[in-house]
Amino acid sequence: MKYNEPNIAAEICCNHQGDILIAKKMINVAVEAKVTVIKFQKRNNREFLTSDQFTAAHPNKMHSFGEPYGIHREFLEFTLAEHVELKKYAESLGILYASSVFDILSANDIISLNPQYIKVPSACNNNFDMLRVLRDNYEGGVHISFGMTTKLEEEEIVKLFEKKNQAHRLVLYACTSGYPVPFDDVCLLEIVRLRETFIDRVDKIGFSGHHHGIAVDIAAYTLGAEWFERHFTMDRIWKGTDQVFSLEPTGMRKLVRDLRAVQKALTFK
């Protein structure tokens, strides 16, 4: 196996607390850590959430930024203009900008920014209408997490892109949709299965982890993952449900350092 240089995405998700100044500070720290990509999320909450979900109470009051749940999500949502500003800021510092999209309106918004790639999270990988938009109206990479996904659904997703000869743009991520994920549920050998099943049909295989620490990511690299995505925060005690399993600045720096060191070491004498 040829071990190419790993690509590492620092996923800010909603850990920015809805504050663009915090988001820019996190970009600065990610640049210092030498990650490949700083990644955000884009939702149109009225499209992504059902009416009942929008009006429901937040399930964890201490992490709520507003009530009901839809208002909490709106508080954490950056506008398209703010995404434009963040993309320009990231690129001015020499780091790639990317975003996950959760619905068709958000997909079209991020397509208008023409990033190098757009991410489809596990929760939305069966939104085939959105996948068609990304396939037909966008020319960059499409990265898709396979958490909560059956083998049949995986095949349907790849075939959707193959119908238009566009599967070569796909990066498929092994992922377990837990927050956080205990080690015995990480299922690292899924990387091997995905490579055996799809590597001749897609661009690359990745690993999106919600576990603690960085040892698992090193193992994922040796098994063939080339793209890595880890949630990133400035402080795990900050308000927000994603903080607890995110990497802090020191952890992100060590992850980048160790992945690239292992890549250099994986040679014969």
C-alpha atoms as a PDB file:
ATOM      1  CA  MET A   1       0.000   0.000   0.000  1.00  0.00           C
ATOM      2  CA  LYS A   2       1.237   3.489  -0.837  1.00  0.00           C
ATOM      3  CA  TYR A   3       0.873   5.872   2.096  1.00  0.00           C
ATOM      4  CA  ASN A   4       0.103   9.326   0.735  1.00  0.00           C
ATOM      5  CA  GLU A   5       0.339  12.412   2.907  1.00  0.00           C
ATOM      6  CA  PRO A   6      -2.733  12.542   5.185  1.00  0.00           C
ATOM      7  CA  ASN A   7      -5.256  15.352   4.848  1.00  0.00           C
ATOM      8  CA  ILE A   8      -6.673  16.605   8.157  1.00  0.00           C
ATOM      9  CA  ALA A   9      -9.869  18.627   8.571  1.00  0.00           C
ATOM     10  CA  ALA A  10     -10.491  20.520  11.795  1.00  0.00           C
ATOM     11  CA  GLU A  11     -14.291  20.458  12.135  1.00  0.00           C
ATOM     12  CA  ILE A  12     -15.428  23.565  13.998  1.00  0.00           C
ATOM     13  CA  CYS A  13     -19.104  22.496  13.688  1.00  0.00           C
ATOM     14  CA  CYS A  14     -20.991  24.671  16.222  1.00  0.00           C
ATOM     15  CA  ASN A  15     -18.119  24.981  18.685  1.00  0.00           C
ATOM     16  CA  HIS A  16     -17.743  28.638  17.644  1.00  0.00           C
ATOM     17  CA  GLN A  17     -20.688  29.522  19.936  1.00  0.00           C
ATOM     18  CA  GLY A  18     -22.323  31.464  17.108  1.00  0.00           C
ATOM     19  CA  ASP A  19     -19.546  34.090  17.239  1.00  0.00           C
ATOM     20  CA  ILE A  20     -17.613  34.819  14.035  1.00  0.00           C
ATOM     21  CA  LEU A  21     -14.715  36.310  16.011  1.00  0.00           C
ATOM     22  CA  ILE A  22     -14.312  33.028  17.872  1.00  0.00           C
ATOM     23  CA  ALA A  23     -14.514  31.209  14.535  1.00  0.00           C
ATOM     24  CA  LYS A  24     -11.693  33.347  13.135  1.00  0.00           C
ATOM     25  CA  LYS A  25      -9.583  32.731  16.223  1.00  0.00           C
ATOM     26  CA  MET A  26     -10.136  29.003  15.721  1.00  0.00           C
ATOM     27  CA  ILE A  27      -8.988  29.353  12.106  1.00  0.00           C
ATOM     28  CA  ASN A  28      -5.807  31.009  13.358  1.00  0.00           C
ATOM     29  CA  VAL A  29      -5.134  28.136  15.755  1.00  0.00           C
ATOM     30  CA  ALA A  30      -5.878  25.540  13.059  1.00  0.00           C
ATOM     31  CA  VAL A  31      -3.358  27.241  10.771  1.00  0.00           C
ATOM     32  CA  GLU A  32      -0.757  27.058  13.547  1.00  0.00           C
ATOM     33  CA  ALA A  33      -1.559  23.339  13.935  1.00  0.00           C
ATOM     34  CA  LYS A  34      -0.940  22.913  10.174  1.00  0.00           C
ATOM     35  CA  VAL A  35      -4.221  21.165   9.410  1.00  0.00           C
ATOM     36  CA  THR A  36      -5.301  20.897   5.770  1.00  0.00           C
ATOM     37  CA  VAL A  37      -8.846  22.204   6.096  1.00  0.00           C
ATOM     38  CA  ILE A  38     -10.957  24.238   8.484  1.00  0.00           C
ATOM     39  CA  LYS A  39     -14.538  23.037   8.174  1.00  0.00           C
ATOM     40  CA  PHE A  40     -17.867  24.567   9.134  1.00  0.00           C
ATOM     41  CA  GLN A  41     -21.518  23.537   8.822  1.00  0.00           C
ATOM     42  CA  LYS A  42     -24.478  25.107   6.982  1.00  0.00           C
ATOM     43  CA  ARG A  43     -28.130  24.448   7.741  1.00  0.00           C
ATOM     44  CA  ASN A  44     -31.421  25.934   6.724  1.00  0.00           C
ATOM     45  CA  ASN A  45     -33.151  24.921   9.916  1.00  0.00           C
ATOM     46  CA  ARG A  46     -36.678  25.352   8.587  1.00  0.00           C
ATOM     47  CA  GLU A  47     -35.863  22.860   5.824  1.00  0.00           C
ATOM     48  CA  PHE A  48     -33.647  20.484   7.778  1.00  0.00           C
ATOM     49  CA  LEU A  49     -35.857  20.207  10.886  1.00  0.00           C
ATOM     50  CA  THR A  50     -39.468  19.101  10.951  1.00  0.00           C
ATOM     51  CA  SER A  51     -41.952  21.489  12.574  1.00  0.00           C
ATOM     52  CA  ASP A  52     -42.055  19.272  15.663  1.00  0.00           C
ATOM     53  CA  GLN A  53     -38.258  19.204  15.879  1.00  0.00           C
ATOM     54  CA  PHE A  54     -38.030  22.973  15.474  1.00  0.00           C
ATOM     55  CA  THR A  55     -40.519  23.670  18.246  1.00  0.00           C
ATOM     56  CA  ALA A  56     -39.308  20.952  20.643  1.00  0.00           C
ATOM     57  CA  ALA A  57     -37.417  21.821  23.809  1.00  0.00           C
ATOM     58  CA  HIS A  58     -33.654  21.429  23.739  1.00  0.00           C
ATOM     59  CA  PRO A  59     -32.896  18.010  25.304  1.00  0.00           C
ATOM     60  CA  ASN A  60     -29.959  19.358  27.336  1.00  0.00           C
ATOM     61  CA  LYS A  61     -30.761  22.755  28.857  1.00  0.00           C
ATOM     62  CA  MET A  62     -27.221  23.541  30.005  1.00  0.00           C
ATOM     63  CA  HIS A  63     -26.070  23.479  26.380  1.00  0.00           C
ATOM     64  CA  SER A  64     -28.976  25.431  24.911  1.00  0.00           C
ATOM     65  CA  PHE A  65     -28.408  28.772  23.187  1.00  0.00           C
ATOM     66  CA  GLY A  66     -32.149  29.438  22.970  1.00  0.00           C
ATOM     67  CA  GLU A  67     -35.566  27.827  23.163  1.00  0.00           C
ATOM     68  CA  PRO A  68     -37.180  26.016  21.450  1.00  0.00           C
ATOM     69  CA  TYR A  69     -34.597  23.803  19.742  1.00  0.00           C
ATOM     70  CA  GLY A  70     -34.982  25.549  16.386  1.00  0.00           C
ATOM     71  CA  ILE A  71     -34.099  28.898  17.938  1.00  0.00           C
ATOM     72  CA  HIS A  72     -31.039  27.296  19.520  1.00  0.00           C
ATOM     73  CA  ARG A  73     -29.955  26.086  16.087  1.00  0.00           C
ATOM     74  CA  GLU A  74     -30.633  29.496  14.518  1.00  0.00           C
ATOM     75  CA  PHE A  75     -28.400  31.180  17.104  1.00  0.00           C
ATOM     76  CA  LEU A  76     -25.495  28.941  16.077  1.00  0.00           C
ATOM     77  CA  GLU A  77     -26.011  29.373  12.339  1.00  0.00           C
ATOM     78  CA  PHE A  78     -23.740  31.612  10.266  1.00  0.00           C
ATOM     79  CA  THR A  79     -25.273  33.446   7.307  1.00  0.00           C
ATOM     80  CA  LEU A  80     -24.036  32.918   3.765  1.00  0.00           C
ATOM     81  CA  ALA A  81     -22.296  36.310   3.950  1.00  0.00           C
ATOM     82  CA  GLU A  82     -20.482  35.153   7.095  1.00  0.00           C
ATOM     83  CA  HIS A  83     -19.418  31.956   5.326  1.00  0.00           C
ATOM     84  CA  VAL A  84     -18.036  34.095   2.500  1.00  0.00           C
ATOM     85  CA  GLU A  85     -16.088  36.094   5.084  1.00  0.00           C
ATOM     86  CA  LEU A  86     -14.774  32.950   6.786  1.00  0.00           C
ATOM     87  CA  LYS A  87     -13.713  31.391   3.481  1.00  0.00           C
ATOM     88  CA  LYS A  88     -11.818  34.530   2.474  1.00  0.00           C
ATOM     89  CA  TYR A  89     -10.190  34.728   5.895  1.00  0.00           C
ATOM     90  CA  ALA A  90      -9.118  31.080   5.860  1.00  0.00           C
ATOM     91  CA  GLU A  91      -7.710  31.296   2.358  1.00  0.00           C
ATOM     92  CA  SER A  92      -5.814  34.491   3.208  1.00  0.00           C
ATOM     93  CA  LEU A  93      -3.985  32.405   5.829  1.00  0.00           C
ATOM     94  CA  GLY A  94      -3.264  29.559   3.428  1.00  0.00           C
ATOM     95  CA  ILE A  95      -5.779  27.017   4.714  1.00  0.00           C
ATOM     96  CA  LEU A  96      -8.676  25.454   2.816  1.00  0.00           C
ATOM     97  CA  TYR A  97     -12.276  26.230   3.761  1.00  0.00           C
ATOM     98  CA  ALA A  98     -14.983  23.570   3.559  1.00  0.00           C
ATOM     99  CA  SER A  99     -18.471  23.070   4.947  1.00  0.00           C
ATOM    100  CA  SER A 100     -20.933  20.310   5.623  1.00  0.00           C
ATOM    101  CA  VAL A 101     -24.423  20.852   4.233  1.00  0.00           C
ATOM    102  CA  PHE A 102     -27.635  19.503   5.709  1.00  0.00           C
ATOM    103  CA  ASP A 103     -30.292  20.442   3.143  1.00  0.00           C
ATOM    104  CA  ILE A 104     -30.751  21.563  -0.466  1.00  0.00           C
ATOM    105  CA  LEU A 105     -30.862  25.305   0.247  1.00  0.00           C
ATOM    106  CA  SER A 106     -27.637  25.083   2.213  1.00  0.00           C
ATOM    107  CA  ALA A 107     -26.039  22.928  -0.471  1.00  0.00           C
ATOM    108  CA  ASN A 108     -26.807  25.570  -3.085  1.00  0.00           C
ATOM    109  CA  ASP A 109     -25.444  28.282  -0.792  1.00  0.00           C
ATOM    110  CA  ILE A 110     -22.121  26.509  -0.291  1.00  0.00           C
ATOM    111  CA  ILE A 111     -21.919  25.542  -3.975  1.00  0.00           C
ATOM    112  CA  SER A 112     -22.004  29.277  -4.738  1.00  0.00           C
ATOM    113  CA  LEU A 113     -18.746  29.624  -2.760  1.00  0.00           C
ATOM    114  CA  ASN A 114     -17.066  26.897  -4.859  1.00  0.00           C
ATOM    115  CA  PRO A 115     -14.906  25.350  -2.116  1.00  0.00           C
ATOM    116  CA  GLN A 116     -12.528  22.523  -2.972  1.00  0.00           C
ATOM    117  CA  TYR A 117     -14.968  20.058  -1.449  1.00  0.00           C
ATOM    118  CA  ILE A 118     -18.360  19.894   0.262  1.00  0.00           C
ATOM    119  CA  LYS A 119     -19.132  17.408   3.037  1.00  0.00           C
ATOM    120  CA  VAL A 120     -22.331  15.393   3.446  1.00  0.00           C
ATOM    121  CA  PRO A 121     -22.751  14.284   7.084  1.00  0.00           C
ATOM    122  CA  SER A 122     -24.017  10.848   8.028  1.00  0.00           C
ATOM    123  CA  ALA A 123     -27.404  12.274   9.032  1.00  0.00           C
ATOM    124  CA  CYS A 124     -28.026  13.452   5.446  1.00  0.00           C
ATOM    125  CA  ASN A 125     -26.339  10.872   3.246  1.00  0.00           C
ATOM    126  CA  ASN A 126     -29.719   9.400   2.253  1.00  0.00           C
ATOM    127  CA  ASN A 127     -31.027  12.788   1.091  1.00  0.00           C
ATOM    128  CA  PHE A 128     -30.776  11.770  -2.547  1.00  0.00           C
ATOM    129  CA  ASP A 129     -32.295  15.019  -3.805  1.00  0.00           C
ATOM    130  CA  MET A 130     -29.451  16.904  -2.138  1.00  0.00           C
ATOM    131  CA  LEU A 131     -26.891  14.404  -3.431  1.00  0.00           C
ATOM    132  CA  ARG A 132     -28.165  14.980  -6.975  1.00  0.00           C
ATOM    133  CA  VAL A 133     -27.695  18.736  -6.523  1.00  0.00           C
ATOM    134  CA  LEU A 134     -24.097  18.161  -5.457  1.00  0.00           C
ATOM    135  CA  ARG A 135     -23.548  15.730  -8.311  1.00  0.00           C
ATOM    136  CA  ASP A 136     -25.102  17.870 -11.046  1.00  0.00           C
ATOM    137  CA  ASN A 137     -24.488  21.480  -9.977  1.00  0.00           C
ATOM    138  CA  TYR A 138     -21.034  21.352  -8.425  1.00  0.00           C
ATOM    139  CA  GLU A 139     -17.666  20.247  -9.764  1.00  0.00           C
ATOM    140  CA  GLY A 140     -15.574  19.856  -6.597  1.00  0.00           C
ATOM    141  CA  GLY A 141     -15.084  16.910  -4.309  1.00  0.00           C
ATOM    142  CA  VAL A 142     -18.030  15.423  -2.454  1.00  0.00           C
ATOM    143  CA  HIS A 143     -17.080  13.890   0.895  1.00  0.00           C
ATOM    144  CA  ILE A 144     -19.680  11.608   2.476  1.00  0.00           C
ATOM    145  CA  SER A 145     -19.705  10.051   5.950  1.00  0.00           C
ATOM    146  CA  PHE A 146     -21.147   6.549   6.210  1.00  0.00           C
ATOM    147  CA  GLY A 147     -22.302   6.578   9.820  1.00  0.00           C
ATOM    148  CA  MET A 148     -25.755   4.984  10.319  1.00  0.00           C
ATOM    149  CA  THR A 149     -25.567   3.599   6.774  1.00  0.00           C
ATOM    150  CA  THR A 150     -26.260   0.073   5.543  1.00  0.00           C
ATOM    151  CA  LYS A 151     -24.122  -1.627   2.894  1.00  0.00           C
ATOM    152  CA  LEU A 152     -27.064  -1.400   0.482  1.00  0.00           C
ATOM    153  CA  GLU A 153     -27.369   2.338   1.097  1.00  0.00           C
ATOM    154  CA  GLU A 154     -23.626   2.781   0.543  1.00  0.00           C
ATOM    155  CA  GLU A 155     -23.960   1.113  -2.828  1.00  0.00           C
ATOM    156  CA  GLU A 156     -26.959   3.267  -3.767  1.00  0.00           C
ATOM    157  CA  ILE A 157     -25.036   6.438  -2.914  1.00  0.00           C
ATOM    158  CA  VAL A 158     -22.017   5.503  -5.024  1.00  0.00           C
ATOM    159  CA  LYS A 159     -24.173   4.314  -7.930  1.00  0.00           C
ATOM    160  CA  LEU A 160     -26.037   7.643  -7.891  1.00  0.00           C
ATOM    161  CA  PHE A 161     -22.754   9.363  -8.757  1.00  0.00           C
ATOM    162  CA  GLU A 162     -21.663   6.617 -11.150  1.00  0.00           C
ATOM    163  CA  LYS A 163     -24.796   7.217 -13.231  1.00  0.00           C
ATOM    164  CA  LYS A 164     -23.260  10.513 -14.338  1.00  0.00           C
ATOM    165  CA  ASN A 165     -19.648   9.286 -14.235  1.00  0.00           C
ATOM    166  CA  GLN A 166     -18.994  11.422 -11.168  1.00  0.00           C
ATOM    167  CA  ALA A 167     -17.983   8.836  -8.542  1.00  0.00           C
ATOM    168  CA  HIS A 168     -14.336   9.798  -9.024  1.00  0.00           C
ATOM    169  CA  ARG A 169     -15.144  12.942  -6.990  1.00  0.00           C
ATOM    170  CA  LEU A 170     -16.213  10.984  -3.903  1.00  0.00           C
ATOM    171  CA  VAL A 171     -14.346  10.548  -0.638  1.00  0.00           C
ATOM    172  CA  LEU A 172     -16.113   8.032   1.608  1.00  0.00           C
ATOM    173  CA  TYR A 173     -15.580   8.211   5.366  1.00  0.00           C
ATOM    174  CA  ALA A 174     -15.780   5.326   7.799  1.00  0.00           C
ATOM    175  CA  CYS A 175     -17.722   6.761  10.722  1.00  0.00           C
ATOM    176  CA  THR A 176     -19.653   5.703  13.803  1.00  0.00           C
ATOM    177  CA  SER A 177     -22.393   8.156  14.715  1.00  0.00           C
ATOM    178  CA  GLY A 178     -21.900   8.362  18.459  1.00  0.00           C
ATOM    179  CA  TYR A 179     -21.034  11.461  20.468  1.00  0.00           C
ATOM    180  CA  PRO A 180     -18.596  10.440  21.857  1.00  0.00           C
ATOM    181  CA  VAL A 181     -17.882   6.941  20.517  1.00  0.00           C
ATOM    182  CA  PRO A 182     -16.469   4.309  22.910  1.00  0.00           C
ATOM    183  CA  PHE A 183     -13.436   2.545  21.474  1.00  0.00           C
ATOM    184  CA  ASP A 184     -15.189  -0.794  21.040  1.00  0.00           C
ATOM    185  CA  ASP A 185     -17.713   0.911  18.729  1.00  0.00           C
ATOM    186  CA  VAL A 186     -15.195   2.725  16.491  1.00  0.00           C
ATOM    187  CA  CYS A 187     -15.018  -0.279  14.117  1.00  0.00           C
ATOM    188  CA  LEU A 188     -11.758   0.702  12.426  1.00  0.00           C
ATOM    189  CA  LEU A 189     -11.768  -2.324  10.140  1.00  0.00           C
ATOM    190  CA  GLU A 190     -14.625  -0.655   8.247  1.00  0.00           C
ATOM    191  CA  ILE A 191     -11.837   1.331   6.577  1.00  0.00           C
ATOM    192  CA  VAL A 192     -10.451  -1.902   5.142  1.00  0.00           C
ATOM    193  CA  ARG A 193     -13.897  -2.969   3.936  1.00  0.00           C
ATOM    194  CA  LEU A 194     -14.585   0.390   2.303  1.00  0.00           C
ATOM    195  CA  ARG A 195     -11.236   0.291   0.520  1.00  0.00           C
ATOM    196  CA  GLU A 196     -11.819  -3.247  -0.718  1.00  0.00           C
ATOM    197  CA  THR A 197     -15.327  -2.350  -1.915  1.00  0.00           C
ATOM    198  CA  PHE A 198     -14.943   1.127  -3.355  1.00  0.00           C
ATOM    199  CA  ILE A 199     -11.333   2.284  -3.811  1.00  0.00           C
ATOM    200  CA  ASP A 200     -11.385   1.487  -7.545  1.00  0.00           C
ATOM    201  CA  ARG A 201     -14.626   3.456  -7.953  1.00  0.00           C
ATOM    202  CA  VAL A 202     -14.088   6.583  -5.843  1.00  0.00           C
ATOM    203  CA  ASP A 203     -11.289   9.040  -5.103  1.00  0.00           C
ATOM    204  CA  LYS A 204     -10.250   8.168  -1.553  1.00  0.00           C
ATOM    205  CA  ILE A 205     -11.349   6.669   1.760  1.00  0.00           C
ATOM    206  CA  GLY A 206     -11.428   8.770   4.922  1.00  0.00           C
ATOM    207  CA  PHE A 207     -12.098   8.471   8.632  1.00  0.00           C
ATOM    208  CA  SER A 208     -14.392  10.726  10.645  1.00  0.00           C
ATOM    209  CA  GLY A 209     -13.877  10.099  14.351  1.00  0.00           C
ATOM    210  CA  HIS A 210     -15.885  11.106  17.408  1.00  0.00           C
ATOM    211  CA  HIS A 211     -13.677   9.244  19.892  1.00  0.00           C
ATOM    212  CA  HIS A 212     -11.342  10.528  22.581  1.00  0.00           C
ATOM    213  CA  GLY A 213      -7.622  10.936  21.972  1.00  0.00           C
ATOM    214  CA  ILE A 214      -5.605  10.497  18.772  1.00  0.00           C
ATOM    215  CA  ALA A 215      -4.262   6.938  18.861  1.00  0.00           C
ATOM    216  CA  VAL A 216      -7.197   5.601  16.834  1.00  0.00           C
ATOM    217  CA  ASP A 217      -6.514   8.039  13.986  1.00  0.00           C
ATOM    218  CA  ILE A 218      -2.961   6.737  13.611  1.00  0.00           C
ATOM    219  CA  ALA A 219      -4.306   3.210  13.271  1.00  0.00           C
ATOM    220  CA  ALA A 220      -6.873   4.450  10.749  1.00  0.00           C
ATOM    221  CA  TYR A 221      -4.079   5.886   8.624  1.00  0.00           C
ATOM    222  CA  THR A 222      -2.135   2.616   8.581  1.00  0.00           C
ATOM    223  CA  LEU A 223      -5.342   0.852   7.466  1.00  0.00           C
ATOM    224  CA  GLY A 224      -5.671   3.112   4.432  1.00  0.00           C
ATOM    225  CA  ALA A 225      -7.609   6.240   5.403  1.00  0.00           C
ATOM    226  CA  GLU A 226      -6.250   9.348   3.646  1.00  0.00           C
ATOM    227  CA  TRP A 227      -8.692  12.014   4.858  1.00  0.00           C
ATOM    228  CA  PHE A 228      -9.274  12.651   8.555  1.00  0.00           C
ATOM    229  CA  GLU A 229     -11.955  14.738  10.204  1.00  0.00           C
ATOM    230  CA  ARG A 230     -11.957  15.564  13.915  1.00  0.00           C
ATOM    231  CA  HIS A 231     -14.120  18.023  15.807  1.00  0.00           C
ATOM    232  CA  PHE A 232     -12.132  20.977  17.093  1.00  0.00           C
ATOM    233  CA  THR A 233     -12.648  23.315  20.043  1.00  0.00           C
ATOM    234  CA  MET A 234     -10.694  25.900  21.979  1.00  0.00           C
ATOM    235  CA  ASP A 235     -11.868  24.452  25.306  1.00  0.00           C
ATOM    236  CA  ARG A 236     -13.828  21.248  26.005  1.00  0.00           C
ATOM    237  CA  ILE A 237     -15.607  22.830  28.973  1.00  0.00           C
ATOM    238  CA  TRP A 238     -17.276  25.434  26.739  1.00  0.00           C
ATOM    239  CA  LYS A 239     -21.038  25.324  26.339  1.00  0.00           C
ATOM    240  CA  GLY A 240     -22.205  23.009  23.570  1.00  0.00           C
ATOM    241  CA  THR A 241     -22.865  19.292  23.146  1.00  0.00           C
ATOM    242  CA  ASP A 242     -19.973  18.702  20.720  1.00  0.00           C
ATOM    243  CA  GLN A 243     -17.253  20.153  22.935  1.00  0.00           C
ATOM    244  CA  VAL A 244     -16.618  17.075  25.087  1.00  0.00           C
ATOM    245  CA  PHE A 245     -15.327  14.826  22.276  1.00  0.00           C
ATOM    246  CA  SER A 246     -13.538  17.573  20.320  1.00  0.00           C
ATOM    247  CA  LEU A 247      -9.785  18.030  20.176  1.00  0.00           C
ATOM    248  CA  GLU A 248      -8.369  21.114  21.847  1.00  0.00           C
ATOM    249  CA  PRO A 249      -5.481  23.012  20.189  1.00  0.00           C
ATOM    250  CA  THR A 250      -2.750  20.848  21.720  1.00  0.00           C
ATOM    251  CA  GLY A 251      -4.571  17.666  20.675  1.00  0.00           C
ATOM    252  CA  MET A 252      -5.038  18.929  17.118  1.00  0.00           C
ATOM    253  CA  ARG A 253      -1.365  19.879  16.833  1.00  0.00           C
ATOM    254  CA  LYS A 254      -0.327  16.435  18.086  1.00  0.00           C
ATOM    255  CA  LEU A 255      -2.715  14.698  15.694  1.00  0.00           C
ATOM    256  CA  VAL A 256      -1.232  16.531  12.700  1.00  0.00           C
ATOM    257  CA  ARG A 257       2.314  15.952  13.941  1.00  0.00           C
ATOM    258  CA  ASP A 258       1.811  12.237  14.569  1.00  0.00           C
ATOM    259  CA  LEU A 259      -0.073  11.474  11.343  1.00  0.00           C
ATOM    260  CA  ARG A 260       2.616  13.113   9.239  1.00  0.00           C
ATOM    261  CA  ALA A 261       5.403  11.488  11.245  1.00  0.00           C
ATOM    262  CA  VAL A 262       3.878   8.048  10.717  1.00  0.00           C
ATOM    263  CA  GLN A 263       3.576   8.746   6.994  1.00  0.00           C
ATOM    264  CA  LYS A 264       7.304   9.414   6.834  1.00  0.00           C
ATOM    265  CA  ALA A 265       8.070   6.297   8.896  1.00  0.00           C
ATOM    266  CA  LEU A 266       6.037   3.831   6.830  1.00  0.00           C
ATOM    267  CA  THR A 267       8.895   2.779   4.564  1.00  0.00           C
ATOM    268  CA  PHE A 268      11.224  -0.145   4.107  1.00  0.00           C
ATOM    269  CA  LYS A 269      14.859   0.119   5.092  1.00  0.00           C
END
